[in-house]
Amino acid sequence: MGHIHTKAGQIDQTVSAYIVRRDGDDTYIMLHTHKKLGMLLPVGGHIELNETPWGALAHELEEESGYSMGDLEVLQPLLRIDMLTNLIVHPQPFVVQTHEVGSSHYHTDMGYILVAQAHPTRHVAEGESDDIRWLTRAGVVSLTDAQIWPGTRQSCLEIFDRFLDEWQPVATTEYSKGLEVAS
């Protein structure tokens, strides 16, 4: 989906999925080349008006990565709220940040860390970027600023250096109830 807000100074809400996979002693993070920007980014996109953040992440994952929620776990802090009566509880993003996109337009993005045990079994949706890369920490460090935004690089390095050891994997299905709040 495109920008919901189009006037100067308005802010769209977006979600990003930093997908990590361990293979033996090596850990990889998935980034793809954004079709419009030509930069390596995590998969993700806009939260539509009838979606929760977690619901938006679910559909963006399937479109852009070939994974579905059931294929993945989400990293969460040890101290968290798992349930509140009559409310939909979402997993905690590892980062919430706002950045400028173009002139006087902004995105506030909720970034989640997802863990895969295997490569995706489905193909990315037609029209989505097929330049998907699995990078080690050293691979991320070696990227130039023309390939990856500095903030994206920093987020990846924080995941490798801190979050993989300090947060725990939780089944994504624990949070997949009530993905759509309206139809």
N, C-alpha and C. Protein backbone atom coordinates (compact mmCIF):
# COMPACT_ATOMS: atom_id res chain seq x y z
N MET A 1 0.85 -1.18 0.00
CA MET A 1 0.00 0.00 0.00
C MET A 1 0.89 1.23 0.00
N GLY A 2 0.42 2.29 -0.61
CA GLY A 2 1.16 3.55 -0.65
C GLY A 2 0.95 4.35 0.61
N HIS A 3 1.39 5.58 0.57
CA HIS A 3 1.26 6.46 1.73
C HIS A 3 -0.20 6.77 1.99
N ILE A 4 -0.60 6.68 3.24
CA ILE A 4 -1.96 7.02 3.65
C ILE A 4 -2.06 8.53 3.80
N HIS A 5 -1.03 9.12 4.36
CA HIS A 5 -0.99 10.56 4.56
C HIS A 5 -0.09 11.18 3.49
N THR A 6 -0.60 12.20 2.83
CA THR A 6 0.15 12.78 1.71
C THR A 6 0.47 14.26 1.90
N LYS A 7 0.03 14.86 2.98
CA LYS A 7 0.32 16.27 3.22
C LYS A 7 1.65 16.42 3.97
N ALA A 8 2.30 17.55 3.76
CA ALA A 8 3.59 17.82 4.42
C ALA A 8 3.47 17.66 5.93
N GLY A 9 4.44 17.00 6.51
CA GLY A 9 4.49 16.82 7.95
C GLY A 9 3.70 15.65 8.49
N GLN A 10 2.93 14.98 7.64
CA GLN A 10 2.14 13.85 8.12
C GLN A 10 3.00 12.60 8.26
N ILE A 11 2.52 11.68 9.09
CA ILE A 11 3.30 10.50 9.44
C ILE A 11 2.50 9.24 9.16
N ASP A 12 3.10 8.32 8.38
CA ASP A 12 2.54 6.99 8.17
C ASP A 12 3.13 6.03 9.18
N GLN A 13 2.35 5.04 9.57
CA GLN A 13 2.81 3.98 10.47
C GLN A 13 3.24 2.79 9.62
N THR A 14 4.42 2.24 9.90
CA THR A 14 4.95 1.11 9.15
C THR A 14 5.49 0.05 10.10
N VAL A 15 5.72 -1.14 9.55
CA VAL A 15 6.32 -2.25 10.30
C VAL A 15 7.46 -2.83 9.48
N SER A 16 8.46 -3.35 10.19
CA SER A 16 9.60 -4.01 9.55
C SER A 16 9.89 -5.32 10.26
N ALA A 17 10.33 -6.31 9.48
CA ALA A 17 10.70 -7.62 10.03
C ALA A 17 12.16 -7.90 9.72
N TYR A 18 12.96 -7.91 10.76
CA TYR A 18 14.36 -8.32 10.64
C TYR A 18 14.37 -9.82 10.91
N ILE A 19 14.49 -10.62 9.87
CA ILE A 19 14.42 -12.07 9.99
C ILE A 19 15.84 -12.62 10.12
N VAL A 20 16.07 -13.40 11.17
CA VAL A 20 17.38 -14.01 11.38
C VAL A 20 17.25 -15.53 11.30
N ARG A 21 18.35 -16.16 10.88
CA ARG A 21 18.39 -17.62 10.75
C ARG A 21 19.79 -18.09 11.14
N ARG A 22 19.83 -19.12 11.95
CA ARG A 22 21.13 -19.71 12.33
C ARG A 22 21.37 -20.93 11.46
N ASP A 23 22.61 -21.07 11.03
CA ASP A 23 23.03 -22.23 10.23
C ASP A 23 24.38 -22.67 10.80
N GLY A 24 24.35 -23.69 11.65
CA GLY A 24 25.57 -24.09 12.34
C GLY A 24 26.03 -22.99 13.27
N ASP A 25 27.28 -22.58 13.13
CA ASP A 25 27.83 -21.52 13.97
C ASP A 25 27.56 -20.13 13.42
N ASP A 26 26.99 -20.05 12.23
CA ASP A 26 26.77 -18.76 11.58
C ASP A 26 25.33 -18.29 11.77
N THR A 27 25.18 -16.98 11.92
CA THR A 27 23.86 -16.36 12.01
C THR A 27 23.74 -15.38 10.85
N TYR A 28 22.57 -15.40 10.21
CA TYR A 28 22.31 -14.57 9.04
C TYR A 28 21.09 -13.71 9.29
N ILE A 29 21.07 -12.56 8.65
CA ILE A 29 19.90 -11.68 8.69
C ILE A 29 19.45 -11.45 7.25
N MET A 30 18.14 -11.47 7.04
CA MET A 30 17.58 -11.30 5.70
C MET A 30 17.31 -9.83 5.42
N LEU A 31 17.85 -9.35 4.32
CA LEU A 31 17.54 -8.01 3.81
C LEU A 31 17.19 -8.16 2.34
N HIS A 32 16.36 -7.26 1.85
CA HIS A 32 16.05 -7.28 0.42
C HIS A 32 16.24 -5.89 -0.15
N THR A 33 16.47 -5.84 -1.45
CA THR A 33 16.63 -4.55 -2.11
C THR A 33 15.26 -3.94 -2.35
N HIS A 34 15.01 -2.81 -1.72
CA HIS A 34 13.73 -2.11 -1.87
C HIS A 34 13.61 -1.64 -3.31
N LYS A 35 12.47 -1.96 -3.94
CA LYS A 35 12.32 -1.68 -5.37
C LYS A 35 12.41 -0.20 -5.71
N LYS A 36 11.84 0.67 -4.89
CA LYS A 36 11.85 2.10 -5.21
C LYS A 36 13.14 2.78 -4.76
N LEU A 37 13.68 2.35 -3.63
CA LEU A 37 14.84 3.03 -3.05
C LEU A 37 16.17 2.44 -3.50
N GLY A 38 16.16 1.17 -3.92
CA GLY A 38 17.40 0.52 -4.32
C GLY A 38 18.35 0.26 -3.16
N MET A 39 17.85 0.27 -1.94
CA MET A 39 18.65 0.06 -0.73
C MET A 39 18.26 -1.26 -0.08
N LEU A 40 19.20 -1.87 0.63
CA LEU A 40 18.91 -3.09 1.38
C LEU A 40 18.17 -2.73 2.66
N LEU A 41 17.00 -3.31 2.83
CA LEU A 41 16.14 -3.04 3.98
C LEU A 41 15.52 -4.34 4.46
N PRO A 42 15.01 -4.36 5.69
CA PRO A 42 14.21 -5.51 6.11
C PRO A 42 12.89 -5.49 5.37
N VAL A 43 12.21 -6.63 5.30
CA VAL A 43 10.89 -6.65 4.68
C VAL A 43 9.93 -5.88 5.57
N GLY A 44 8.89 -5.34 4.98
CA GLY A 44 7.91 -4.59 5.75
C GLY A 44 7.12 -3.64 4.88
N GLY A 45 6.31 -2.83 5.51
CA GLY A 45 5.51 -1.88 4.76
C GLY A 45 4.53 -1.13 5.64
N HIS A 46 3.60 -0.47 4.97
CA HIS A 46 2.62 0.38 5.65
C HIS A 46 1.57 -0.44 6.40
N ILE A 47 1.11 0.11 7.51
CA ILE A 47 -0.02 -0.45 8.24
C ILE A 47 -1.27 0.17 7.63
N GLU A 48 -2.10 -0.68 7.04
CA GLU A 48 -3.32 -0.18 6.42
C GLU A 48 -4.33 0.21 7.49
N LEU A 49 -5.32 0.99 7.09
CA LEU A 49 -6.27 1.53 8.06
C LEU A 49 -7.07 0.46 8.79
N ASN A 50 -7.22 -0.73 8.20
CA ASN A 50 -7.98 -1.80 8.85
C ASN A 50 -7.08 -2.88 9.43
N GLU A 51 -5.81 -2.56 9.68
CA GLU A 51 -4.87 -3.55 10.19
C GLU A 51 -4.28 -3.14 11.53
N THR A 52 -3.99 -4.14 12.33
CA THR A 52 -3.14 -3.92 13.49
C THR A 52 -1.69 -3.96 12.99
N PRO A 53 -0.74 -3.48 13.77
CA PRO A 53 0.66 -3.61 13.34
C PRO A 53 1.05 -5.07 13.07
N TRP A 54 0.63 -5.99 13.93
CA TRP A 54 0.98 -7.40 13.76
C TRP A 54 0.31 -7.99 12.52
N GLY A 55 -0.91 -7.56 12.22
CA GLY A 55 -1.58 -8.00 11.00
C GLY A 55 -0.88 -7.49 9.76
N ALA A 56 -0.41 -6.24 9.80
CA ALA A 56 0.34 -5.69 8.66
C ALA A 56 1.63 -6.47 8.46
N LEU A 57 2.30 -6.80 9.56
CA LEU A 57 3.55 -7.55 9.44
C LEU A 57 3.29 -8.92 8.83
N ALA A 58 2.18 -9.55 9.20
CA ALA A 58 1.85 -10.88 8.66
C ALA A 58 1.71 -10.83 7.15
N HIS A 59 0.98 -9.85 6.63
CA HIS A 59 0.79 -9.83 5.17
C HIS A 59 2.05 -9.38 4.44
N GLU A 60 2.81 -8.45 5.02
CA GLU A 60 4.06 -8.03 4.38
C GLU A 60 5.07 -9.17 4.33
N LEU A 61 5.12 -9.97 5.39
CA LEU A 61 6.02 -11.14 5.42
C LEU A 61 5.73 -12.08 4.26
N GLU A 62 4.46 -12.42 4.10
CA GLU A 62 4.09 -13.36 3.03
C GLU A 62 4.40 -12.79 1.66
N GLU A 63 4.11 -11.51 1.45
CA GLU A 63 4.35 -10.89 0.15
C GLU A 63 5.83 -10.76 -0.18
N GLU A 64 6.64 -10.35 0.81
CA GLU A 64 8.01 -9.95 0.52
C GLU A 64 9.09 -10.96 0.88
N SER A 65 8.76 -11.96 1.71
CA SER A 65 9.81 -12.88 2.15
C SER A 65 9.58 -14.34 1.78
N GLY A 66 8.33 -14.72 1.55
CA GLY A 66 8.02 -16.13 1.34
C GLY A 66 7.74 -16.88 2.62
N TYR A 67 7.85 -16.22 3.76
CA TYR A 67 7.52 -16.82 5.05
C TYR A 67 6.09 -16.48 5.42
N SER A 68 5.48 -17.33 6.24
CA SER A 68 4.23 -16.97 6.90
C SER A 68 4.53 -16.91 8.40
N MET A 69 3.64 -16.32 9.16
CA MET A 69 3.85 -16.19 10.59
C MET A 69 4.14 -17.54 11.25
N GLY A 70 3.44 -18.58 10.81
CA GLY A 70 3.62 -19.90 11.41
C GLY A 70 5.00 -20.49 11.21
N ASP A 71 5.76 -19.95 10.27
CA ASP A 71 7.13 -20.43 10.01
C ASP A 71 8.16 -19.83 10.96
N LEU A 72 7.76 -18.85 11.74
CA LEU A 72 8.72 -18.01 12.46
C LEU A 72 8.41 -17.91 13.95
N GLU A 73 9.41 -17.47 14.69
CA GLU A 73 9.24 -17.07 16.08
C GLU A 73 9.60 -15.59 16.16
N VAL A 74 9.09 -14.92 17.18
CA VAL A 74 9.41 -13.51 17.38
C VAL A 74 10.23 -13.38 18.66
N LEU A 75 11.31 -12.62 18.61
CA LEU A 75 12.11 -12.40 19.82
C LEU A 75 11.41 -11.39 20.71
N GLN A 76 11.35 -11.73 21.99
CA GLN A 76 10.68 -10.89 22.97
C GLN A 76 11.51 -10.79 24.24
N PRO A 77 11.37 -9.68 24.98
CA PRO A 77 12.09 -9.56 26.25
C PRO A 77 11.52 -10.55 27.26
N LEU A 78 12.33 -10.91 28.24
CA LEU A 78 11.86 -11.83 29.27
C LEU A 78 10.69 -11.23 30.05
N LEU A 79 10.75 -9.94 30.34
CA LEU A 79 9.69 -9.25 31.06
C LEU A 79 8.75 -8.63 30.05
N ARG A 80 7.54 -9.17 29.98
CA ARG A 80 6.57 -8.68 29.00
C ARG A 80 5.16 -9.04 29.46
N ILE A 81 4.19 -8.37 28.90
CA ILE A 81 2.79 -8.69 29.15
C ILE A 81 2.34 -9.63 28.04
N ASP A 82 1.83 -10.80 28.41
CA ASP A 82 1.38 -11.77 27.42
C ASP A 82 -0.11 -11.68 27.14
N MET A 83 -0.89 -11.21 28.11
CA MET A 83 -2.33 -11.19 27.94
C MET A 83 -2.96 -10.08 28.77
N LEU A 84 -3.96 -9.44 28.21
CA LEU A 84 -4.80 -8.49 28.94
C LEU A 84 -6.24 -8.81 28.57
N THR A 85 -7.13 -8.86 29.55
CA THR A 85 -8.52 -9.24 29.32
C THR A 85 -9.18 -8.32 28.30
N ASN A 86 -9.81 -8.93 27.30
CA ASN A 86 -10.57 -8.25 26.25
C ASN A 86 -9.74 -7.30 25.40
N LEU A 87 -8.43 -7.48 25.36
CA LEU A 87 -7.56 -6.65 24.54
C LEU A 87 -6.65 -7.53 23.69
N ILE A 88 -6.27 -7.03 22.53
CA ILE A 88 -5.29 -7.72 21.70
C ILE A 88 -3.92 -7.24 22.13
N VAL A 89 -3.09 -8.16 22.61
CA VAL A 89 -1.73 -7.82 23.02
C VAL A 89 -0.79 -8.13 21.86
N HIS A 90 0.04 -7.18 21.53
CA HIS A 90 1.00 -7.34 20.44
C HIS A 90 2.38 -7.64 21.01
N PRO A 91 3.21 -8.31 20.22
CA PRO A 91 4.60 -8.46 20.66
C PRO A 91 5.28 -7.10 20.68
N GLN A 92 6.33 -7.01 21.47
CA GLN A 92 7.06 -5.75 21.56
C GLN A 92 8.06 -5.65 20.42
N PRO A 93 8.03 -4.53 19.70
CA PRO A 93 9.09 -4.32 18.71
C PRO A 93 10.41 -4.09 19.44
N PHE A 94 11.51 -4.40 18.77
CA PHE A 94 12.81 -4.13 19.40
C PHE A 94 13.19 -2.67 19.21
N VAL A 95 12.56 -2.00 18.24
CA VAL A 95 12.81 -0.58 18.03
C VAL A 95 11.56 0.06 17.42
N VAL A 96 11.28 1.27 17.86
CA VAL A 96 10.26 2.12 17.23
C VAL A 96 10.98 3.42 16.91
N GLN A 97 11.00 3.78 15.63
CA GLN A 97 11.75 4.97 15.21
C GLN A 97 10.99 5.71 14.12
N THR A 98 11.23 7.00 14.03
CA THR A 98 10.62 7.84 13.00
C THR A 98 11.71 8.40 12.12
N HIS A 99 11.47 8.32 10.81
CA HIS A 99 12.46 8.82 9.85
C HIS A 99 11.74 9.54 8.71
N GLU A 100 12.46 10.47 8.11
CA GLU A 100 11.91 11.24 7.00
C GLU A 100 11.98 10.40 5.72
N VAL A 101 10.90 10.44 4.96
CA VAL A 101 10.83 9.76 3.67
C VAL A 101 10.45 10.83 2.66
N GLY A 102 11.40 11.23 1.85
CA GLY A 102 11.11 12.32 0.93
C GLY A 102 11.09 13.64 1.68
N SER A 103 10.45 14.61 1.10
CA SER A 103 10.44 15.95 1.67
C SER A 103 9.23 16.12 2.59
N SER A 104 9.48 16.34 3.86
CA SER A 104 8.46 16.62 4.86
C SER A 104 7.41 15.52 4.99
N HIS A 105 7.79 14.28 4.75
CA HIS A 105 6.91 13.14 4.98
C HIS A 105 7.67 12.15 5.84
N TYR A 106 6.97 11.51 6.76
CA TYR A 106 7.64 10.67 7.74
C TYR A 106 6.98 9.31 7.87
N HIS A 107 7.77 8.35 8.31
CA HIS A 107 7.28 7.03 8.70
C HIS A 107 7.70 6.79 10.14
N THR A 108 6.77 6.34 10.96
CA THR A 108 7.11 5.80 12.27
C THR A 108 7.04 4.29 12.12
N ASP A 109 8.20 3.65 12.30
CA ASP A 109 8.32 2.22 12.03
C ASP A 109 8.51 1.43 13.31
N MET A 110 7.79 0.31 13.38
CA MET A 110 7.96 -0.66 14.47
C MET A 110 8.74 -1.83 13.91
N GLY A 111 9.95 -2.04 14.42
CA GLY A 111 10.81 -3.10 13.93
C GLY A 111 10.78 -4.32 14.84
N TYR A 112 10.50 -5.48 14.26
CA TYR A 112 10.44 -6.74 14.99
C TYR A 112 11.58 -7.65 14.56
N ILE A 113 12.04 -8.50 15.47
CA ILE A 113 13.03 -9.51 15.14
C ILE A 113 12.32 -10.85 15.09
N LEU A 114 12.39 -11.49 13.93
CA LEU A 114 11.78 -12.81 13.75
C LEU A 114 12.87 -13.83 13.50
N VAL A 115 12.66 -15.05 13.98
CA VAL A 115 13.65 -16.11 13.87
C VAL A 115 13.09 -17.22 12.99
N ALA A 116 13.86 -17.58 11.97
CA ALA A 116 13.50 -18.67 11.06
C ALA A 116 14.40 -19.87 11.33
N GLN A 117 13.84 -21.06 11.23
CA GLN A 117 14.64 -22.27 11.38
C GLN A 117 15.12 -22.79 10.04
N ALA A 118 14.51 -22.31 8.96
CA ALA A 118 14.85 -22.80 7.61
C ALA A 118 14.61 -21.68 6.61
N HIS A 119 14.99 -21.92 5.37
CA HIS A 119 14.69 -20.97 4.30
C HIS A 119 13.18 -20.96 4.05
N PRO A 120 12.64 -19.88 3.48
CA PRO A 120 11.20 -19.86 3.17
C PRO A 120 10.84 -20.93 2.15
N THR A 121 9.63 -21.44 2.26
CA THR A 121 9.18 -22.48 1.34
C THR A 121 8.31 -21.92 0.22
N ARG A 122 7.91 -20.66 0.33
CA ARG A 122 7.09 -20.03 -0.70
C ARG A 122 7.91 -18.99 -1.45
N HIS A 123 7.40 -18.57 -2.58
CA HIS A 123 8.05 -17.52 -3.36
C HIS A 123 7.51 -16.17 -2.93
N VAL A 124 8.30 -15.12 -3.15
CA VAL A 124 7.80 -13.77 -2.89
C VAL A 124 6.69 -13.48 -3.89
N ALA A 125 5.80 -12.57 -3.54
CA ALA A 125 4.67 -12.23 -4.40
C ALA A 125 5.15 -11.56 -5.68
N GLU A 126 4.38 -11.73 -6.72
CA GLU A 126 4.71 -11.11 -8.00
C GLU A 126 4.77 -9.59 -7.83
N GLY A 127 5.80 -8.99 -8.39
CA GLY A 127 5.98 -7.55 -8.31
C GLY A 127 6.82 -7.10 -7.12
N GLU A 128 7.13 -8.02 -6.20
CA GLU A 128 7.98 -7.69 -5.06
C GLU A 128 9.44 -7.93 -5.42
N SER A 129 10.34 -7.37 -4.65
CA SER A 129 11.78 -7.53 -4.89
C SER A 129 12.18 -8.99 -4.76
N ASP A 130 12.92 -9.48 -5.74
CA ASP A 130 13.42 -10.85 -5.63
C ASP A 130 14.91 -10.86 -5.29
N ASP A 131 15.47 -9.69 -4.97
CA ASP A 131 16.87 -9.60 -4.54
C ASP A 131 16.90 -9.72 -3.02
N ILE A 132 16.81 -10.96 -2.55
CA ILE A 132 16.82 -11.24 -1.12
C ILE A 132 18.19 -11.78 -0.75
N ARG A 133 18.76 -11.22 0.31
CA ARG A 133 20.11 -11.62 0.72
C ARG A 133 20.11 -12.04 2.19
N TRP A 134 20.85 -13.09 2.46
CA TRP A 134 21.11 -13.52 3.83
C TRP A 134 22.54 -13.10 4.16
N LEU A 135 22.70 -12.20 5.11
CA LEU A 135 24.01 -11.63 5.42
C LEU A 135 24.45 -11.96 6.84
N THR A 136 25.72 -12.26 7.00
CA THR A 136 26.31 -12.40 8.33
C THR A 136 26.56 -11.01 8.89
N ARG A 137 26.99 -10.96 10.14
CA ARG A 137 27.34 -9.67 10.73
C ARG A 137 28.42 -8.99 9.91
N ALA A 138 29.45 -9.75 9.53
CA ALA A 138 30.54 -9.18 8.72
C ALA A 138 30.03 -8.70 7.37
N GLY A 139 29.06 -9.41 6.82
CA GLY A 139 28.47 -8.99 5.55
C GLY A 139 27.74 -7.67 5.67
N VAL A 140 27.04 -7.47 6.79
CA VAL A 140 26.34 -6.20 7.03
C VAL A 140 27.35 -5.08 7.19
N VAL A 141 28.41 -5.33 7.97
CA VAL A 141 29.44 -4.31 8.20
C VAL A 141 30.08 -3.89 6.89
N SER A 142 30.26 -4.83 5.97
CA SER A 142 30.96 -4.53 4.71
C SER A 142 30.13 -3.74 3.70
N LEU A 143 28.83 -3.60 3.94
CA LEU A 143 27.99 -2.85 3.01
C LEU A 143 28.33 -1.36 3.07
N THR A 144 28.25 -0.70 1.93
CA THR A 144 28.50 0.74 1.87
C THR A 144 27.23 1.51 2.20
N ASP A 145 27.37 2.80 2.48
CA ASP A 145 26.20 3.64 2.74
C ASP A 145 25.34 3.79 1.49
N ALA A 146 25.85 3.46 0.33
CA ALA A 146 25.05 3.47 -0.89
C ALA A 146 24.19 2.21 -1.00
N GLN A 147 24.48 1.19 -0.17
CA GLN A 147 23.73 -0.06 -0.20
C GLN A 147 22.73 -0.19 0.95
N ILE A 148 23.05 0.43 2.09
CA ILE A 148 22.22 0.28 3.29
C ILE A 148 22.23 1.60 4.06
N TRP A 149 21.05 2.01 4.57
CA TRP A 149 20.99 3.21 5.39
C TRP A 149 21.77 2.95 6.68
N PRO A 150 22.46 3.97 7.21
CA PRO A 150 23.20 3.78 8.47
C PRO A 150 22.32 3.25 9.61
N GLY A 151 21.09 3.75 9.72
CA GLY A 151 20.20 3.28 10.78
C GLY A 151 19.82 1.82 10.63
N THR A 152 19.67 1.37 9.39
CA THR A 152 19.38 -0.05 9.15
C THR A 152 20.58 -0.90 9.54
N ARG A 153 21.77 -0.45 9.17
CA ARG A 153 22.98 -1.18 9.55
C ARG A 153 23.08 -1.26 11.08
N GLN A 154 22.88 -0.11 11.76
CA GLN A 154 22.96 -0.10 13.22
C GLN A 154 21.94 -1.06 13.84
N SER A 155 20.73 -1.08 13.30
CA SER A 155 19.70 -1.99 13.81
C SER A 155 20.14 -3.44 13.66
N CYS A 156 20.67 -3.79 12.49
CA CYS A 156 21.16 -5.16 12.26
C CYS A 156 22.26 -5.51 13.25
N LEU A 157 23.19 -4.60 13.47
CA LEU A 157 24.30 -4.88 14.38
C LEU A 157 23.82 -5.01 15.82
N GLU A 158 22.84 -4.21 16.22
CA GLU A 158 22.26 -4.36 17.56
C GLU A 158 21.63 -5.74 17.72
N ILE A 159 20.96 -6.22 16.67
CA ILE A 159 20.37 -7.56 16.71
C ILE A 159 21.46 -8.60 16.91
N PHE A 160 22.49 -8.57 16.07
CA PHE A 160 23.58 -9.53 16.19
C PHE A 160 24.27 -9.45 17.56
N ASP A 161 24.52 -8.24 18.03
CA ASP A 161 25.35 -8.04 19.21
C ASP A 161 24.62 -8.14 20.54
N ARG A 162 23.31 -7.88 20.55
CA ARG A 162 22.60 -7.84 21.83
C ARG A 162 21.33 -8.66 21.87
N PHE A 163 20.45 -8.43 20.92
CA PHE A 163 19.11 -8.98 21.05
C PHE A 163 19.04 -10.50 20.90
N LEU A 164 19.89 -11.08 20.07
CA LEU A 164 19.86 -12.54 19.90
C LEU A 164 20.18 -13.26 21.20
N ASP A 165 21.00 -12.66 22.04
CA ASP A 165 21.36 -13.28 23.32
C ASP A 165 20.44 -12.87 24.47
N GLU A 166 19.86 -11.68 24.39
CA GLU A 166 19.12 -11.15 25.54
C GLU A 166 17.61 -11.33 25.46
N TRP A 167 17.06 -11.53 24.27
CA TRP A 167 15.62 -11.74 24.13
C TRP A 167 15.38 -13.20 23.80
N GLN A 168 14.16 -13.67 24.06
CA GLN A 168 13.85 -15.08 23.84
C GLN A 168 12.84 -15.26 22.73
N PRO A 169 12.94 -16.39 22.00
CA PRO A 169 11.97 -16.66 20.93
C PRO A 169 10.63 -17.10 21.50
N VAL A 170 9.56 -16.58 20.91
CA VAL A 170 8.19 -16.92 21.27
C VAL A 170 7.47 -17.24 19.97
N ALA A 171 6.62 -18.25 19.98
CA ALA A 171 5.86 -18.60 18.78
C ALA A 171 5.04 -17.41 18.31
N THR A 172 5.12 -17.09 17.03
CA THR A 172 4.34 -15.96 16.50
C THR A 172 2.85 -16.20 16.64
N THR A 173 2.45 -17.46 16.66
CA THR A 173 1.02 -17.78 16.78
C THR A 173 0.45 -17.35 18.13
N GLU A 174 1.31 -17.11 19.11
CA GLU A 174 0.84 -16.59 20.40
C GLU A 174 0.22 -15.20 20.23
N TYR A 175 0.60 -14.49 19.18
CA TYR A 175 0.13 -13.13 18.96
C TYR A 175 -0.75 -13.00 17.72
N SER A 176 -1.03 -14.09 17.05
CA SER A 176 -1.70 -14.00 15.76
C SER A 176 -3.22 -13.99 15.85
N LYS A 177 -3.76 -14.00 17.03
CA LYS A 177 -5.21 -13.92 17.18
C LYS A 177 -5.62 -12.46 17.03
N GLY A 178 -6.68 -12.20 16.30
CA GLY A 178 -7.16 -10.83 16.14
C GLY A 178 -6.30 -9.98 15.25
N LEU A 179 -5.70 -10.59 14.20
CA LEU A 179 -4.83 -9.82 13.31
C LEU A 179 -5.57 -8.67 12.63
N GLU A 180 -6.77 -8.93 12.18
CA GLU A 180 -7.56 -7.89 11.50
C GLU A 180 -8.63 -7.41 12.47
N VAL A 181 -8.74 -6.13 12.66
CA VAL A 181 -9.73 -5.59 13.58
C VAL A 181 -10.99 -5.12 12.87
N ALA A 182 -10.93 -5.01 11.57
CA ALA A 182 -12.11 -4.61 10.78
C ALA A 182 -11.98 -5.24 9.41
N SER A 183 -13.09 -5.32 8.72
CA SER A 183 -13.01 -5.88 7.36
C SER A 183 -13.64 -4.95 6.35
